[in-house]
All heavy atoms as atom14 arrays in JSON, in Angstrom:
{
  "sequence": "PWRITHWMTATAALAVAAIVATGLRSPPQLANLD",
  "atom14_mask": [
    [1, 1, 1, 1, 1, 1, 1, 0, 0, 0, 0, 0, 0, 0],
    [1, 1, 1, 1, 1, 1, 1, 1, 1, 1, 1, 1, 1, 1],
    [1, 1, 1, 1, 1, 1, 1, 1, 1, 1, 1, 0, 0, 0],
    [1, 1, 1, 1, 1, 1, 1, 1, 0, 0, 0, 0, 0, 0],
    [1, 1, 1, 1, 1, 1, 1, 0, 0, 0, 0, 0, 0, 0],
    [1, 1, 1, 1, 1, 1, 1, 1, 1, 1, 0, 0, 0, 0],
    [1, 1, 1, 1, 1, 1, 1, 1, 1, 1, 1, 1, 1, 1],
    [1, 1, 1, 1, 1, 1, 1, 1, 0, 0, 0, 0, 0, 0],
    [1, 1, 1, 1, 1, 1, 1, 0, 0, 0, 0, 0, 0, 0],
    [1, 1, 1, 1, 1, 0, 0, 0, 0, 0, 0, 0, 0, 0],
    [1, 1, 1, 1, 1, 1, 1, 0, 0, 0, 0, 0, 0, 0],
    [1, 1, 1, 1, 1, 0, 0, 0, 0, 0, 0, 0, 0, 0],
    [1, 1, 1, 1, 1, 0, 0, 0, 0, 0, 0, 0, 0, 0],
    [1, 1, 1, 1, 1, 1, 1, 1, 0, 0, 0, 0, 0, 0],
    [1, 1, 1, 1, 1, 0, 0, 0, 0, 0, 0, 0, 0, 0],
    [1, 1, 1, 1, 1, 1, 1, 0, 0, 0, 0, 0, 0, 0],
    [1, 1, 1, 1, 1, 0, 0, 0, 0, 0, 0, 0, 0, 0],
    [1, 1, 1, 1, 1, 0, 0, 0, 0, 0, 0, 0, 0, 0],
    [1, 1, 1, 1, 1, 1, 1, 1, 0, 0, 0, 0, 0, 0],
    [1, 1, 1, 1, 1, 1, 1, 0, 0, 0, 0, 0, 0, 0],
    [1, 1, 1, 1, 1, 0, 0, 0, 0, 0, 0, 0, 0, 0],
    [1, 1, 1, 1, 1, 1, 1, 0, 0, 0, 0, 0, 0, 0],
    [1, 1, 1, 1, 0, 0, 0, 0, 0, 0, 0, 0, 0, 0],
    [1, 1, 1, 1, 1, 1, 1, 1, 0, 0, 0, 0, 0, 0],
    [1, 1, 1, 1, 1, 1, 1, 1, 1, 1, 1, 0, 0, 0],
    [1, 1, 1, 1, 1, 1, 0, 0, 0, 0, 0, 0, 0, 0],
    [1, 1, 1, 1, 1, 1, 1, 0, 0, 0, 0, 0, 0, 0],
    [1, 1, 1, 1, 1, 1, 1, 0, 0, 0, 0, 0, 0, 0],
    [1, 1, 1, 1, 1, 1, 1, 1, 1, 0, 0, 0, 0, 0],
    [1, 1, 1, 1, 1, 1, 1, 1, 0, 0, 0, 0, 0, 0],
    [1, 1, 1, 1, 1, 0, 0, 0, 0, 0, 0, 0, 0, 0],
    [1, 1, 1, 1, 1, 1, 1, 1, 0, 0, 0, 0, 0, 0],
    [1, 1, 1, 1, 1, 1, 1, 1, 0, 0, 0, 0, 0, 0],
    [1, 1, 1, 1, 1, 1, 1, 1, 0, 0, 0, 0, 0, 0]
  ],
  "atom14_positions": [
    [[23.89, 34.31, -72.6], [22.82, 33.74, -73.42], [22.1, 32.61, -72.69], [22.67, 31.95, -71.82], [23.55, 33.23, -74.67], [24.83, 34.01, -74.72], [25.2, 34.28, -73.29], [0.0, 0.0, 0.0], [0.0, 0.0, 0.0], [0.0, 0.0, 0.0], [0.0, 0.0, 0.0], [0.0, 0.0, 0.0], [0.0, 0.0, 0.0], [0.0, 0.0, 0.0]],
    [[20.84, 32.4, -73.1], [20.02, 31.42, -72.4], [20.61, 30.03, -72.43], [20.65, 29.34, -71.41], [18.63, 31.4, -73.01], [17.83, 30.2, -72.64], [17.44, 29.19, -73.46], [17.35, 29.86, -71.34], [16.74, 28.23, -72.77], [16.66, 28.61, -71.45], [17.42, 30.45, -70.09], [16.06, 27.99, -70.38], [16.83, 29.83, -69.01], [16.15, 28.61, -69.14]],
    [[21.1, 29.57, -73.56], [21.62, 28.2, -73.64], [22.83, 28.01, -72.74], [22.95, 26.98, -72.05], [21.99, 27.87, -75.08], [20.78, 27.71, -76.0], [21.2, 27.29, -77.4], [20.04, 27.1, -78.27], [20.12, 26.71, -79.53], [21.31, 26.45, -80.07], [19.02, 26.58, -80.25], [0.0, 0.0, 0.0], [0.0, 0.0, 0.0], [0.0, 0.0, 0.0]],
    [[23.73, 28.98, -72.73], [24.91, 28.87, -71.87], [24.5, 28.93, -70.41], [25.02, 28.18, -69.56], [25.91, 29.98, -72.23], [26.46, 29.75, -73.64], [27.05, 30.03, -71.22], [27.44, 30.8, -74.11], [0.0, 0.0, 0.0], [0.0, 0.0, 0.0], [0.0, 0.0, 0.0], [0.0, 0.0, 0.0], [0.0, 0.0, 0.0], [0.0, 0.0, 0.0]],
    [[23.56, 29.82, -70.08], [23.07, 29.88, -68.7], [22.43, 28.55, -68.29], [22.59, 28.08, -67.15], [22.05, 31.01, -68.57], [22.66, 32.25, -68.92], [21.53, 31.12, -67.14], [0.0, 0.0, 0.0], [0.0, 0.0, 0.0], [0.0, 0.0, 0.0], [0.0, 0.0, 0.0], [0.0, 0.0, 0.0], [0.0, 0.0, 0.0], [0.0, 0.0, 0.0]],
    [[21.72, 27.94, -69.23], [21.04, 26.67, -68.94], [22.04, 25.58, -68.56], [21.91, 24.93, -67.5], [20.22, 26.26, -70.18], [19.28, 25.13, -69.91], [18.52, 24.56, -70.89], [19.0, 24.44, -68.77], [17.79, 23.58, -70.37], [18.07, 23.49, -69.09], [0.0, 0.0, 0.0], [0.0, 0.0, 0.0], [0.0, 0.0, 0.0], [0.0, 0.0, 0.0]],
    [[23.03, 25.36, -69.43], [23.98, 24.27, -69.11], [24.85, 24.62, -67.92], [25.22, 23.74, -67.13], [24.82, 23.89, -70.32], [25.92, 24.83, -70.73], [25.92, 25.69, -71.77], [27.2, 24.98, -70.08], [27.12, 26.39, -71.82], [27.92, 25.96, -70.8], [27.82, 24.39, -68.97], [29.2, 26.37, -70.46], [29.11, 24.8, -68.62], [29.77, 25.79, -69.36]],
    [[25.2, 25.89, -67.75], [26.01, 26.29, -66.6], [25.26, 26.01, -65.3], [25.82, 25.43, -64.34], [26.35, 27.78, -66.71], [27.12, 28.33, -65.5], [27.13, 30.14, -65.48], [25.43, 30.48, -64.95], [0.0, 0.0, 0.0], [0.0, 0.0, 0.0], [0.0, 0.0, 0.0], [0.0, 0.0, 0.0], [0.0, 0.0, 0.0], [0.0, 0.0, 0.0]],
    [[24.0, 26.43, -65.23], [23.21, 26.26, -64.0], [22.94, 24.79, -63.72], [23.06, 24.33, -62.57], [21.89, 27.04, -64.13], [22.16, 28.4, -64.47], [21.11, 27.0, -62.83], [0.0, 0.0, 0.0], [0.0, 0.0, 0.0], [0.0, 0.0, 0.0], [0.0, 0.0, 0.0], [0.0, 0.0, 0.0], [0.0, 0.0, 0.0], [0.0, 0.0, 0.0]],
    [[22.56, 24.05, -64.77], [22.29, 22.62, -64.56], [23.54, 21.87, -64.12], [23.49, 21.04, -63.19], [21.73, 22.03, -65.86], [0.0, 0.0, 0.0], [0.0, 0.0, 0.0], [0.0, 0.0, 0.0], [0.0, 0.0, 0.0], [0.0, 0.0, 0.0], [0.0, 0.0, 0.0], [0.0, 0.0, 0.0], [0.0, 0.0, 0.0], [0.0, 0.0, 0.0]],
    [[24.67, 22.16, -64.76], [25.92, 21.48, -64.39], [26.32, 21.82, -62.97], [26.72, 20.94, -62.18], [27.03, 21.88, -65.37], [26.64, 21.58, -66.7], [28.33, 21.16, -65.02], [0.0, 0.0, 0.0], [0.0, 0.0, 0.0], [0.0, 0.0, 0.0], [0.0, 0.0, 0.0], [0.0, 0.0, 0.0], [0.0, 0.0, 0.0], [0.0, 0.0, 0.0]],
    [[26.22, 23.11, -62.61], [26.6, 23.52, -61.26], [25.69, 22.89, -60.21], [26.16, 22.44, -59.15], [26.55, 25.05, -61.16], [0.0, 0.0, 0.0], [0.0, 0.0, 0.0], [0.0, 0.0, 0.0], [0.0, 0.0, 0.0], [0.0, 0.0, 0.0], [0.0, 0.0, 0.0], [0.0, 0.0, 0.0], [0.0, 0.0, 0.0], [0.0, 0.0, 0.0]],
    [[24.38, 22.86, -60.47], [23.44, 22.28, -59.5], [23.71, 20.8, -59.3], [23.71, 20.3, -58.15], [22.01, 22.5, -59.98], [0.0, 0.0, 0.0], [0.0, 0.0, 0.0], [0.0, 0.0, 0.0], [0.0, 0.0, 0.0], [0.0, 0.0, 0.0], [0.0, 0.0, 0.0], [0.0, 0.0, 0.0], [0.0, 0.0, 0.0], [0.0, 0.0, 0.0]],
    [[23.94, 20.07, -60.39], [24.23, 18.64, -60.27], [25.55, 18.41, -59.54], [25.67, 17.48, -58.71], [24.26, 18.0, -61.66], [22.91, 17.93, -62.38], [23.1, 17.39, -63.79], [21.93, 17.04, -61.6], [0.0, 0.0, 0.0], [0.0, 0.0, 0.0], [0.0, 0.0, 0.0], [0.0, 0.0, 0.0], [0.0, 0.0, 0.0], [0.0, 0.0, 0.0]],
    [[26.56, 19.26, -59.82], [27.85, 19.11, -59.14], [27.72, 19.38, -57.65], [28.26, 18.64, -56.82], [28.87, 20.06, -59.78], [0.0, 0.0, 0.0], [0.0, 0.0, 0.0], [0.0, 0.0, 0.0], [0.0, 0.0, 0.0], [0.0, 0.0, 0.0], [0.0, 0.0, 0.0], [0.0, 0.0, 0.0], [0.0, 0.0, 0.0], [0.0, 0.0, 0.0]],
    [[26.99, 20.46, -57.29], [26.8, 20.77, -55.87], [26.03, 19.65, -55.18], [26.36, 19.24, -54.05], [26.07, 22.12, -55.72], [25.65, 22.35, -54.27], [26.96, 23.26, -56.19], [0.0, 0.0, 0.0], [0.0, 0.0, 0.0], [0.0, 0.0, 0.0], [0.0, 0.0, 0.0], [0.0, 0.0, 0.0], [0.0, 0.0, 0.0], [0.0, 0.0, 0.0]],
    [[24.99, 19.14, -55.84], [24.21, 18.05, -55.24], [25.09, 16.81, -55.02], [25.02, 16.16, -53.96], [23.03, 17.71, -56.16], [0.0, 0.0, 0.0], [0.0, 0.0, 0.0], [0.0, 0.0, 0.0], [0.0, 0.0, 0.0], [0.0, 0.0, 0.0], [0.0, 0.0, 0.0], [0.0, 0.0, 0.0], [0.0, 0.0, 0.0], [0.0, 0.0, 0.0]],
    [[25.94, 16.5, -55.98], [26.82, 15.34, -55.83], [27.83, 15.57, -54.72], [28.12, 14.65, -53.91], [27.54, 15.08, -57.16], [0.0, 0.0, 0.0], [0.0, 0.0, 0.0], [0.0, 0.0, 0.0], [0.0, 0.0, 0.0], [0.0, 0.0, 0.0], [0.0, 0.0, 0.0], [0.0, 0.0, 0.0], [0.0, 0.0, 0.0], [0.0, 0.0, 0.0]],
    [[28.4, 16.78, -54.64], [29.39, 17.07, -53.58], [28.76, 16.98, -52.22], [29.31, 16.4, -51.26], [30.0, 18.46, -53.83], [30.86, 18.45, -55.09], [30.83, 18.91, -52.63], [31.3, 19.84, -55.55], [0.0, 0.0, 0.0], [0.0, 0.0, 0.0], [0.0, 0.0, 0.0], [0.0, 0.0, 0.0], [0.0, 0.0, 0.0], [0.0, 0.0, 0.0]],
    [[27.54, 17.56, -52.07], [26.87, 17.56, -50.77], [26.45, 16.15, -50.38], [26.6, 15.72, -49.22], [25.64, 18.49, -50.82], [24.79, 18.33, -49.57], [26.09, 19.94, -50.97], [0.0, 0.0, 0.0], [0.0, 0.0, 0.0], [0.0, 0.0, 0.0], [0.0, 0.0, 0.0], [0.0, 0.0, 0.0], [0.0, 0.0, 0.0], [0.0, 0.0, 0.0]],
    [[25.94, 15.39, -51.35], [25.44, 14.05, -51.02], [26.57, 13.09, -50.68], [26.45, 12.25, -49.77], [24.64, 13.51, -52.21], [0.0, 0.0, 0.0], [0.0, 0.0, 0.0], [0.0, 0.0, 0.0], [0.0, 0.0, 0.0], [0.0, 0.0, 0.0], [0.0, 0.0, 0.0], [0.0, 0.0, 0.0], [0.0, 0.0, 0.0], [0.0, 0.0, 0.0]],
    [[27.7, 13.19, -51.36], [28.8, 12.25, -51.12], [29.76, 12.73, -50.05], [30.51, 11.92, -49.48], [29.58, 12.02, -52.41], [30.16, 13.26, -52.85], [28.66, 11.48, -53.5], [0.0, 0.0, 0.0], [0.0, 0.0, 0.0], [0.0, 0.0, 0.0], [0.0, 0.0, 0.0], [0.0, 0.0, 0.0], [0.0, 0.0, 0.0], [0.0, 0.0, 0.0]],
    [[29.77, 14.04, -49.8], [30.73, 14.57, -48.85], [32.16, 14.44, -49.3], [33.09, 14.54, -48.5], [0.0, 0.0, 0.0], [0.0, 0.0, 0.0], [0.0, 0.0, 0.0], [0.0, 0.0, 0.0], [0.0, 0.0, 0.0], [0.0, 0.0, 0.0], [0.0, 0.0, 0.0], [0.0, 0.0, 0.0], [0.0, 0.0, 0.0], [0.0, 0.0, 0.0]],
    [[32.39, 14.17, -50.59], [33.72, 13.98, -51.18], [34.49, 12.86, -50.48], [35.71, 12.91, -50.3], [34.53, 15.29, -51.12], [33.97, 16.46, -51.96], [34.86, 17.68, -51.8], [33.84, 16.06, -53.42], [0.0, 0.0, 0.0], [0.0, 0.0, 0.0], [0.0, 0.0, 0.0], [0.0, 0.0, 0.0], [0.0, 0.0, 0.0], [0.0, 0.0, 0.0]],
    [[33.75, 11.85, -50.07], [34.39, 10.72, -49.4], [34.17, 9.44, -50.2], [33.21, 9.32, -50.95], [33.82, 10.55, -47.98], [34.23, 11.69, -47.05], [33.58, 11.54, -45.67], [34.06, 12.54, -44.74], [33.58, 13.77, -44.65], [32.61, 14.16, -45.46], [34.06, 14.62, -43.76], [0.0, 0.0, 0.0], [0.0, 0.0, 0.0], [0.0, 0.0, 0.0]],
    [[35.08, 8.54, -50.02], [34.97, 7.24, -50.68], [35.05, 6.13, -49.62], [36.04, 6.06, -48.87], [36.1, 7.06, -51.7], [35.97, 5.84, -52.39], [0.0, 0.0, 0.0], [0.0, 0.0, 0.0], [0.0, 0.0, 0.0], [0.0, 0.0, 0.0], [0.0, 0.0, 0.0], [0.0, 0.0, 0.0], [0.0, 0.0, 0.0], [0.0, 0.0, 0.0]],
    [[34.07, 5.3, -49.5], [32.84, 5.33, -50.3], [31.95, 6.51, -49.9], [32.07, 7.03, -48.8], [32.18, 4.0, -49.96], [32.65, 3.72, -48.56], [34.06, 4.21, -48.5], [0.0, 0.0, 0.0], [0.0, 0.0, 0.0], [0.0, 0.0, 0.0], [0.0, 0.0, 0.0], [0.0, 0.0, 0.0], [0.0, 0.0, 0.0], [0.0, 0.0, 0.0]],
    [[31.05, 6.97, -50.8], [30.21, 8.14, -50.5], [29.29, 7.87, -49.32], [28.81, 6.76, -49.11], [29.41, 8.33, -51.8], [29.48, 7.02, -52.5], [30.79, 6.41, -52.13], [0.0, 0.0, 0.0], [0.0, 0.0, 0.0], [0.0, 0.0, 0.0], [0.0, 0.0, 0.0], [0.0, 0.0, 0.0], [0.0, 0.0, 0.0], [0.0, 0.0, 0.0]],
    [[29.06, 8.94, -48.55], [28.24, 8.8, -47.35], [26.75, 8.86, -47.67], [25.92, 8.4, -46.9], [28.58, 9.92, -46.36], [29.98, 9.8, -45.78], [30.25, 10.92, -44.79], [29.55, 11.92, -44.76], [31.27, 10.72, -43.97], [0.0, 0.0, 0.0], [0.0, 0.0, 0.0], [0.0, 0.0, 0.0], [0.0, 0.0, 0.0], [0.0, 0.0, 0.0]],
    [[26.39, 9.49, -48.82], [24.99, 9.69, -49.19], [24.22, 10.35, -48.07], [23.13, 9.92, -47.68], [24.34, 8.37, -49.59], [24.95, 7.67, -50.83], [24.2, 6.38, -51.12], [24.9, 8.6, -52.03], [0.0, 0.0, 0.0], [0.0, 0.0, 0.0], [0.0, 0.0, 0.0], [0.0, 0.0, 0.0], [0.0, 0.0, 0.0], [0.0, 0.0, 0.0]],
    [[24.8, 11.41, -47.53], [24.14, 12.19, -46.48], [23.66, 13.51, -47.07], [23.93, 13.85, -48.22], [25.11, 12.44, -45.32], [0.0, 0.0, 0.0], [0.0, 0.0, 0.0], [0.0, 0.0, 0.0], [0.0, 0.0, 0.0], [0.0, 0.0, 0.0], [0.0, 0.0, 0.0], [0.0, 0.0, 0.0], [0.0, 0.0, 0.0], [0.0, 0.0, 0.0]],
    [[22.92, 14.27, -46.26], [22.42, 15.6, -46.66], [21.68, 15.56, -48.0], [21.82, 16.43, -48.85], [23.58, 16.61, -46.77], [24.24, 16.88, -45.44], [23.57, 16.9, -44.4], [25.55, 17.06, -45.45], [0.0, 0.0, 0.0], [0.0, 0.0, 0.0], [0.0, 0.0, 0.0], [0.0, 0.0, 0.0], [0.0, 0.0, 0.0], [0.0, 0.0, 0.0]],
    [[20.89, 14.5, -48.17], [20.15, 14.38, -49.43], [19.13, 15.51, -49.59], [18.8, 15.9, -50.72], [19.46, 13.02, -49.5], [20.39, 11.81, -49.58], [19.59, 10.52, -49.64], [21.31, 11.91, -50.8], [0.0, 0.0, 0.0], [0.0, 0.0, 0.0], [0.0, 0.0, 0.0], [0.0, 0.0, 0.0], [0.0, 0.0, 0.0], [0.0, 0.0, 0.0]],
    [[18.59, 15.99, -48.45], [17.64, 17.1, -48.54], [18.3, 18.35, -49.12], [17.73, 19.07, -49.94], [17.04, 17.39, -47.17], [18.12, 17.65, -46.12], [19.29, 17.26, -46.38], [17.81, 18.22, -45.07], [0.0, 0.0, 0.0], [0.0, 0.0, 0.0], [0.0, 0.0, 0.0], [0.0, 0.0, 0.0], [0.0, 0.0, 0.0], [0.0, 0.0, 0.0]]
  ]
}
């Protein structure tokens, strides 16, 4: 359904963006912002 697809896609995109930007390191590297 559209609503489930909406939250699934938005959540996944934000999670991937956070993982890529921080590199899963502490403190975050804030790299690969593009």
